[in-house]
Amino acid sequence: EGPQIQVSFTTKLPQELVVTDLPIAIPARLSRLGLSEVINHLLELDPPRPFDFVVSGELLRSSLDVCVTSKGLSSEEVIIIEYDLLPGAPDEGPSHPHDDWVAGVCMRADGCLVSGAYDSNVRIWPGSGASPLVLTGHSDGVTSCCWADEDASANTCALSGSKDFTLRSWAVSAQQHQWAPVFKHTGHTASVEGVSSSRDGSRFCSASFDKTLKVWAAPTASQVADALAAFGDGAITEASNRPDKAKKQASGKTQAIKERGCTCTLLGHTQAVSSVAWGGDAVVSGSWDHTVREWDVETQTCATTLSAGHAVTS
């Protein structure tokens, strides 16, 4: 059988799956499958169960002799091997089909999803598995989206960025069965590539191909409630997006969505800004200019610049 190695097995599994910790000699050529057979034999399991193994803090993905050599261990000493049950394949959940590429997705604490796709639509997927709400208004592909807050017990706000140079804020009812547009956020001069909300949900930041980041005031709870009260069934058409008179009449509710500008612009990147994250009191951005930057929003200055050595895309 070739060279032998002295090993001692240890585990944190329940007592019925614990084997002796006394050293035993096993073939050095054994890998995970062979070791799993050893454990099943020692436990007399029927049917057998798959196990995984850790040697010196790393999962065993080679034969024992290769592992011992690569880690500089001595084959003359007892090798401690920890074992655990091998996790099964995850169960596939329900699919959420879209009509085009999905470019952004964000999950709320209660499991409710918001997604954005290149079909220009934003979708709200209730955690209950009910049919999604389709939020229409962007005139080009949606590149990014997020929740403004995590409160699942009240009306809430979703945010989206688009290749149409704008961001949108959307009111979503607490029961996730109604939606309404709140504001169109304008000011970028190129595609919006990322959006992220502050921890308290009062502000959000966007990243754009125009080399800038912009900070915006998020809709207040009363503005979200007012939007739902006025257009809570989502049956609203922007006059600027659908000038066809017949289509306007068919909608029944046509209005110009209120526009909002940003509160400040963060300047410093020299190429397209591809990603943004708001963490704690700071905003972090990634750019095609090969840098990651941390921003102090209050002073509107770059606090730290890290060189990535390549274009940062997400």
Protein backbone atom coordinates (compact mmCIF):
# COMPACT_ATOMS: atom_id res chain seq x y z
CA GLU A 1 0.00 0.00 0.00
CA GLY A 2 3.01 2.31 0.02
CA PRO A 3 4.22 4.64 2.79
CA GLN A 4 2.12 5.00 5.93
CA ILE A 5 1.45 8.11 8.06
CA GLN A 6 0.46 8.20 11.71
CA VAL A 7 -2.65 10.36 12.15
CA SER A 8 -4.99 11.29 14.97
CA PHE A 9 -8.56 12.36 14.16
CA THR A 10 -10.38 15.12 16.03
CA THR A 11 -13.82 16.66 15.50
CA LYS A 12 -16.44 18.98 17.00
CA LEU A 13 -19.30 16.81 15.74
CA PRO A 14 -21.80 15.13 18.13
CA GLN A 15 -20.54 12.18 20.14
CA GLU A 16 -22.11 9.61 17.81
CA LEU A 17 -19.79 10.82 15.02
CA VAL A 18 -16.58 10.88 17.12
CA VAL A 19 -13.87 8.29 16.41
CA THR A 20 -10.93 7.40 18.62
CA ASP A 21 -8.21 10.01 18.92
CA LEU A 22 -5.52 7.36 19.32
CA PRO A 23 -2.91 7.46 16.53
CA ILE A 24 -3.51 5.08 13.65
CA ALA A 25 -1.44 4.33 10.56
CA ILE A 26 -3.06 4.99 7.19
CA PRO A 27 -1.68 5.10 3.62
CA ALA A 28 -0.03 8.45 2.83
CA ARG A 29 -1.63 8.43 -0.64
CA LEU A 30 -5.15 8.95 0.80
CA SER A 31 -7.00 12.14 -0.04
CA ARG A 32 -10.40 13.40 1.10
CA LEU A 33 -12.38 10.51 -0.37
CA GLY A 34 -10.06 7.90 1.12
CA LEU A 35 -10.10 9.56 4.54
CA SER A 36 -13.89 9.73 4.36
CA GLU A 37 -13.95 5.96 3.82
CA VAL A 38 -11.74 5.53 6.90
CA ILE A 39 -14.09 7.57 9.09
CA ASN A 40 -17.14 5.70 7.77
CA HIS A 41 -15.41 2.38 8.48
CA LEU A 42 -14.49 3.41 12.04
CA LEU A 43 -18.04 4.62 12.73
CA GLU A 44 -19.66 1.71 10.87
CA LEU A 45 -22.03 4.11 9.17
CA ASP A 46 -24.69 2.68 6.87
CA PRO A 47 -25.35 4.40 4.59
CA PRO A 48 -21.96 6.12 4.47
CA ARG A 49 -21.71 9.90 4.87
CA PRO A 50 -19.22 12.26 3.21
CA PHE A 51 -16.69 14.09 5.38
CA ASP A 52 -14.26 16.94 4.86
CA PHE A 53 -10.83 17.31 6.49
CA VAL A 54 -8.58 20.09 7.77
CA VAL A 55 -4.82 19.77 8.21
CA SER A 56 -2.89 22.63 9.85
CA GLY A 57 -5.81 25.04 9.38
CA GLU A 58 -6.47 24.32 5.69
CA LEU A 59 -8.93 22.09 3.89
CA LEU A 60 -7.28 19.00 2.49
CA ARG A 61 -7.43 19.19 -1.31
CA SER A 62 -4.58 16.83 -2.15
CA SER A 63 -3.18 13.54 -0.88
CA LEU A 64 -1.83 13.41 2.65
CA ASP A 65 1.78 13.00 1.55
CA VAL A 66 1.59 16.06 -0.73
CA CYS A 67 -0.06 18.07 2.07
CA VAL A 68 2.54 17.03 4.65
CA THR A 69 5.39 17.93 2.31
CA SER A 70 3.94 21.31 1.28
CA LYS A 71 3.42 22.34 4.91
CA GLY A 72 6.84 21.20 6.04
CA LEU A 73 5.40 18.65 8.47
CA SER A 74 7.34 15.58 9.53
CA SER A 75 5.98 12.23 8.39
CA GLU A 76 7.62 10.77 11.51
CA GLU A 77 5.22 12.70 13.76
CA VAL A 78 1.50 12.15 14.37
CA ILE A 79 -0.52 14.39 12.03
CA ILE A 80 -3.63 15.89 13.59
CA ILE A 81 -6.59 15.81 11.19
CA GLU A 82 -9.87 17.54 12.02
CA TYR A 83 -12.97 16.25 10.24
CA ASP A 84 -16.49 17.52 9.71
CA LEU A 85 -19.50 16.58 7.63
CA LEU A 86 -19.18 17.69 4.03
CA PRO A 87 -21.91 20.28 3.31
CA GLY A 88 -24.43 19.21 0.70
CA ALA A 89 -25.20 21.18 -2.42
CA PRO A 90 -27.45 24.16 -1.68
CA ASP A 91 -31.09 23.93 -2.65
CA GLU A 92 -31.95 26.10 -5.63
CA GLY A 93 -34.51 28.75 -4.77
CA PRO A 94 -37.03 30.40 -7.06
CA SER A 95 -35.75 32.27 -10.12
CA HIS A 96 -36.57 35.91 -10.83
CA PRO A 97 -36.53 36.37 -14.62
CA HIS A 98 -35.93 39.74 -16.27
CA ASP A 99 -36.22 40.87 -19.87
CA ASP A 100 -32.56 41.91 -20.15
CA TRP A 101 -29.25 41.86 -18.28
CA VAL A 102 -29.55 42.31 -14.51
CA ALA A 103 -27.03 44.96 -13.47
CA GLY A 104 -27.85 45.51 -9.80
CA VAL A 105 -29.53 43.81 -6.86
CA CYS A 106 -29.92 44.63 -3.16
CA MET A 107 -31.66 42.69 -0.37
CA ARG A 108 -33.42 44.21 2.62
CA ALA A 109 -33.30 42.61 6.08
CA ASP A 110 -36.76 41.06 5.58
CA GLY A 111 -35.71 39.37 2.32
CA CYS A 112 -37.35 41.88 -0.02
CA LEU A 113 -35.20 42.42 -3.13
CA VAL A 114 -34.79 45.36 -5.44
CA SER A 115 -33.19 44.72 -8.83
CA GLY A 116 -32.28 46.84 -11.82
CA ALA A 117 -31.94 45.63 -15.40
CA TYR A 118 -30.97 46.87 -18.83
CA ASP A 119 -34.64 46.79 -19.84
CA SER A 120 -34.82 50.19 -18.06
CA ASN A 121 -36.98 48.81 -15.25
CA VAL A 122 -36.56 48.47 -11.50
CA ARG A 123 -38.28 45.52 -9.84
CA ILE A 124 -39.32 44.95 -6.25
CA TRP A 125 -39.44 41.26 -5.26
CA PRO A 126 -41.41 40.80 -2.00
CA GLY A 127 -39.94 38.39 0.51
CA SER A 128 -43.26 36.55 0.49
CA GLY A 129 -42.60 35.35 -3.06
CA ALA A 130 -45.48 37.39 -4.52
CA SER A 131 -45.28 38.77 -8.04
CA PRO A 132 -42.82 41.66 -8.41
CA LEU A 133 -43.64 45.32 -8.75
CA VAL A 134 -42.22 46.74 -11.98
CA LEU A 135 -41.12 50.34 -11.54
CA THR A 136 -40.98 52.22 -14.82
CA GLY A 137 -39.52 55.64 -15.54
CA HIS A 138 -35.88 55.36 -16.59
CA SER A 139 -35.30 55.86 -20.32
CA ASP A 140 -32.20 53.65 -20.52
CA GLY A 141 -30.70 50.64 -18.77
CA VAL A 142 -30.67 50.56 -14.97
CA THR A 143 -27.11 49.98 -13.78
CA SER A 144 -27.44 50.02 -9.99
CA CYS A 145 -29.94 50.01 -7.13
CA CYS A 146 -30.19 49.91 -3.37
CA TRP A 147 -32.57 50.46 -0.46
CA ALA A 148 -32.45 53.84 1.25
CA ASP A 149 -33.22 52.15 4.57
CA GLU A 150 -33.80 48.73 6.11
CA ASP A 151 -37.13 49.41 7.87
CA ALA A 152 -39.51 46.68 6.74
CA SER A 153 -42.36 47.81 9.02
CA ALA A 154 -43.09 51.08 7.21
CA ASN A 155 -43.26 52.57 3.75
CA THR A 156 -39.73 52.65 2.38
CA CYS A 157 -37.64 54.05 -0.44
CA ALA A 158 -35.65 52.32 -3.18
CA LEU A 159 -32.97 54.09 -5.23
CA SER A 160 -31.73 53.41 -8.75
CA GLY A 161 -29.11 54.75 -11.15
CA SER A 162 -29.25 54.54 -14.92
CA LYS A 163 -27.43 54.99 -18.21
CA ASP A 164 -29.90 57.83 -18.82
CA PHE A 165 -27.66 60.00 -16.54
CA THR A 166 -30.27 60.14 -13.74
CA LEU A 167 -31.13 58.51 -10.45
CA ARG A 168 -34.63 57.80 -9.24
CA SER A 169 -36.11 57.48 -5.79
CA TRP A 170 -39.13 55.22 -5.49
CA ALA A 171 -41.73 54.92 -2.76
CA VAL A 172 -42.66 51.34 -1.86
CA SER A 173 -45.51 50.55 0.51
CA ALA A 174 -44.91 48.54 3.69
CA GLN A 175 -46.91 45.63 2.21
CA GLN A 176 -44.83 45.85 -1.01
CA HIS A 177 -47.94 45.95 -3.20
CA GLN A 178 -47.84 49.64 -4.20
CA TRP A 179 -45.16 51.91 -5.59
CA ALA A 180 -44.78 55.48 -6.81
CA PRO A 181 -41.97 57.66 -8.18
CA VAL A 182 -40.77 60.29 -5.74
CA PHE A 183 -37.97 62.26 -7.43
CA LYS A 184 -35.80 62.28 -10.52
CA HIS A 185 -32.28 63.18 -9.34
CA THR A 186 -30.44 65.07 -12.08
CA GLY A 187 -26.94 66.50 -12.42
CA HIS A 188 -24.67 63.80 -13.81
CA THR A 189 -23.51 64.23 -17.39
CA ALA A 190 -22.81 60.55 -18.09
CA SER A 191 -24.06 57.12 -17.09
CA VAL A 192 -24.64 56.54 -13.37
CA GLU A 193 -22.77 53.36 -12.42
CA GLY A 194 -23.33 52.99 -8.68
CA VAL A 195 -25.50 54.15 -5.78
CA SER A 196 -25.18 53.60 -2.04
CA SER A 197 -27.17 54.89 0.93
CA SER A 198 -25.91 56.28 4.22
CA ARG A 199 -26.49 54.21 7.35
CA ASP A 200 -29.41 56.36 8.54
CA GLY A 201 -31.00 56.48 5.08
CA SER A 202 -31.04 60.28 4.97
CA ARG A 203 -28.53 60.62 2.13
CA PHE A 204 -27.11 58.62 -0.73
CA CYS A 205 -24.10 58.85 -3.02
CA SER A 206 -23.79 58.07 -6.73
CA ALA A 207 -20.84 57.21 -8.96
CA SER A 208 -20.74 58.16 -12.62
CA PHE A 209 -18.80 57.86 -15.84
CA ASP A 210 -18.54 61.67 -15.71
CA LYS A 211 -15.63 61.12 -13.21
CA THR A 212 -17.60 62.47 -10.24
CA LEU A 213 -19.50 61.32 -7.20
CA LYS A 214 -22.55 63.20 -6.05
CA VAL A 215 -24.28 63.25 -2.67
CA TRP A 216 -28.06 63.61 -2.55
CA ALA A 217 -30.74 64.05 0.08
CA ALA A 218 -32.98 60.98 0.24
CA PRO A 219 -36.76 61.46 0.33
CA THR A 220 -38.19 61.92 3.81
CA ALA A 221 -40.85 59.61 5.24
CA SER A 222 -43.52 62.23 4.57
CA GLN A 223 -42.42 62.64 0.94
CA VAL A 224 -42.58 58.87 0.47
CA ALA A 225 -46.06 58.78 2.03
CA ASP A 226 -47.25 61.70 -0.13
CA ALA A 227 -46.04 59.97 -3.30
CA LEU A 228 -47.88 56.76 -2.41
CA ALA A 229 -51.03 58.70 -1.60
CA ALA A 230 -50.94 60.48 -4.96
CA PHE A 231 -49.80 57.61 -7.19
CA GLY A 232 -49.83 54.52 -5.02
CA ASP A 233 -50.86 52.16 -7.80
CA GLY A 234 -47.81 53.07 -9.90
CA ALA A 235 -50.10 54.05 -12.78
CA ILE A 236 -48.17 57.16 -13.73
CA THR A 237 -46.53 58.22 -16.96
CA GLU A 238 -43.91 60.89 -17.39
CA ALA A 239 -44.95 63.39 -20.01
CA SER A 240 -41.35 63.75 -21.15
CA ASN A 241 -40.92 60.02 -21.71
CA ARG A 242 -44.15 59.37 -23.57
CA PRO A 243 -45.15 62.39 -25.64
CA ASP A 244 -47.65 60.41 -27.68
CA LYS A 245 -51.01 61.94 -26.79
CA ALA A 246 -52.87 58.67 -27.12
CA LYS A 247 -50.48 57.04 -24.68
CA LYS A 248 -50.90 59.92 -22.25
CA GLN A 249 -54.65 59.51 -22.30
CA ALA A 250 -54.35 55.77 -21.84
CA SER A 251 -52.27 56.23 -18.70
CA GLY A 252 -54.87 58.27 -16.88
CA LYS A 253 -52.20 59.87 -14.66
CA THR A 254 -49.58 61.96 -16.41
CA GLN A 255 -47.25 64.37 -14.66
CA ALA A 256 -43.73 65.72 -14.74
CA ILE A 257 -41.76 63.99 -12.02
CA LYS A 258 -40.19 66.48 -9.62
CA GLU A 259 -36.46 66.89 -10.15
CA ARG A 260 -33.89 67.20 -7.40
CA GLY A 261 -30.27 68.29 -7.60
CA CYS A 262 -27.40 67.05 -5.47
CA THR A 263 -26.18 68.56 -2.20
CA CYS A 264 -22.51 68.33 -3.20
CA THR A 265 -20.11 66.89 -5.77
CA LEU A 266 -16.94 64.99 -4.87
CA LEU A 267 -14.12 65.73 -7.32
CA GLY A 268 -10.77 63.98 -7.63
CA HIS A 269 -11.03 60.92 -9.86
CA THR A 270 -9.50 61.39 -13.31
CA GLN A 271 -11.43 58.61 -15.05
CA ALA A 272 -14.89 57.06 -14.85
CA VAL A 273 -16.08 56.25 -11.32
CA SER A 274 -17.42 52.72 -11.46
CA SER A 275 -18.46 51.92 -7.88
CA VAL A 276 -19.36 53.49 -4.57
CA ALA A 277 -20.10 52.32 -1.03
CA TRP A 278 -21.20 54.37 1.97
CA GLY A 279 -19.77 52.86 5.14
CA GLY A 280 -20.16 54.59 8.50
CA ASP A 281 -19.25 58.25 8.10
CA ALA A 282 -17.21 57.80 4.93
CA VAL A 283 -17.83 57.16 1.25
CA VAL A 284 -15.48 54.86 -0.67
CA SER A 285 -15.24 54.86 -4.47
CA GLY A 286 -13.49 52.87 -7.17
CA SER A 287 -12.47 54.22 -10.54
CA TRP A 288 -10.96 53.40 -13.89
CA ASP A 289 -8.09 55.70 -12.88
CA HIS A 290 -6.67 52.73 -10.90
CA THR A 291 -7.50 54.20 -7.49
CA VAL A 292 -9.80 53.57 -4.55
CA ARG A 293 -10.62 56.74 -2.64
CA GLU A 294 -12.13 57.41 0.77
CA TRP A 295 -14.10 60.64 1.07
CA ASP A 296 -15.04 62.83 4.01
CA VAL A 297 -18.54 63.87 2.98
CA GLU A 298 -18.81 66.69 5.50
CA THR A 299 -15.70 68.47 4.21
CA GLN A 300 -16.15 67.16 0.65
CA THR A 301 -12.50 66.14 0.49
CA CYS A 302 -10.61 62.97 -0.33
CA ALA A 303 -9.16 61.55 2.90
CA THR A 304 -7.29 58.55 1.50
CA THR A 305 -6.17 57.40 -1.94
CA LEU A 306 -5.17 53.77 -2.53
CA SER A 307 -3.47 52.68 -5.75
CA ALA A 308 -5.03 49.49 -7.13
CA GLY A 309 -2.64 49.12 -10.07
CA HIS A 310 -5.55 48.44 -12.43
CA ALA A 311 -8.99 49.77 -13.28
CA VAL A 312 -11.44 49.25 -10.40
CA THR A 313 -14.77 48.03 -11.71
CA SER A 314 -16.75 47.13 -8.58
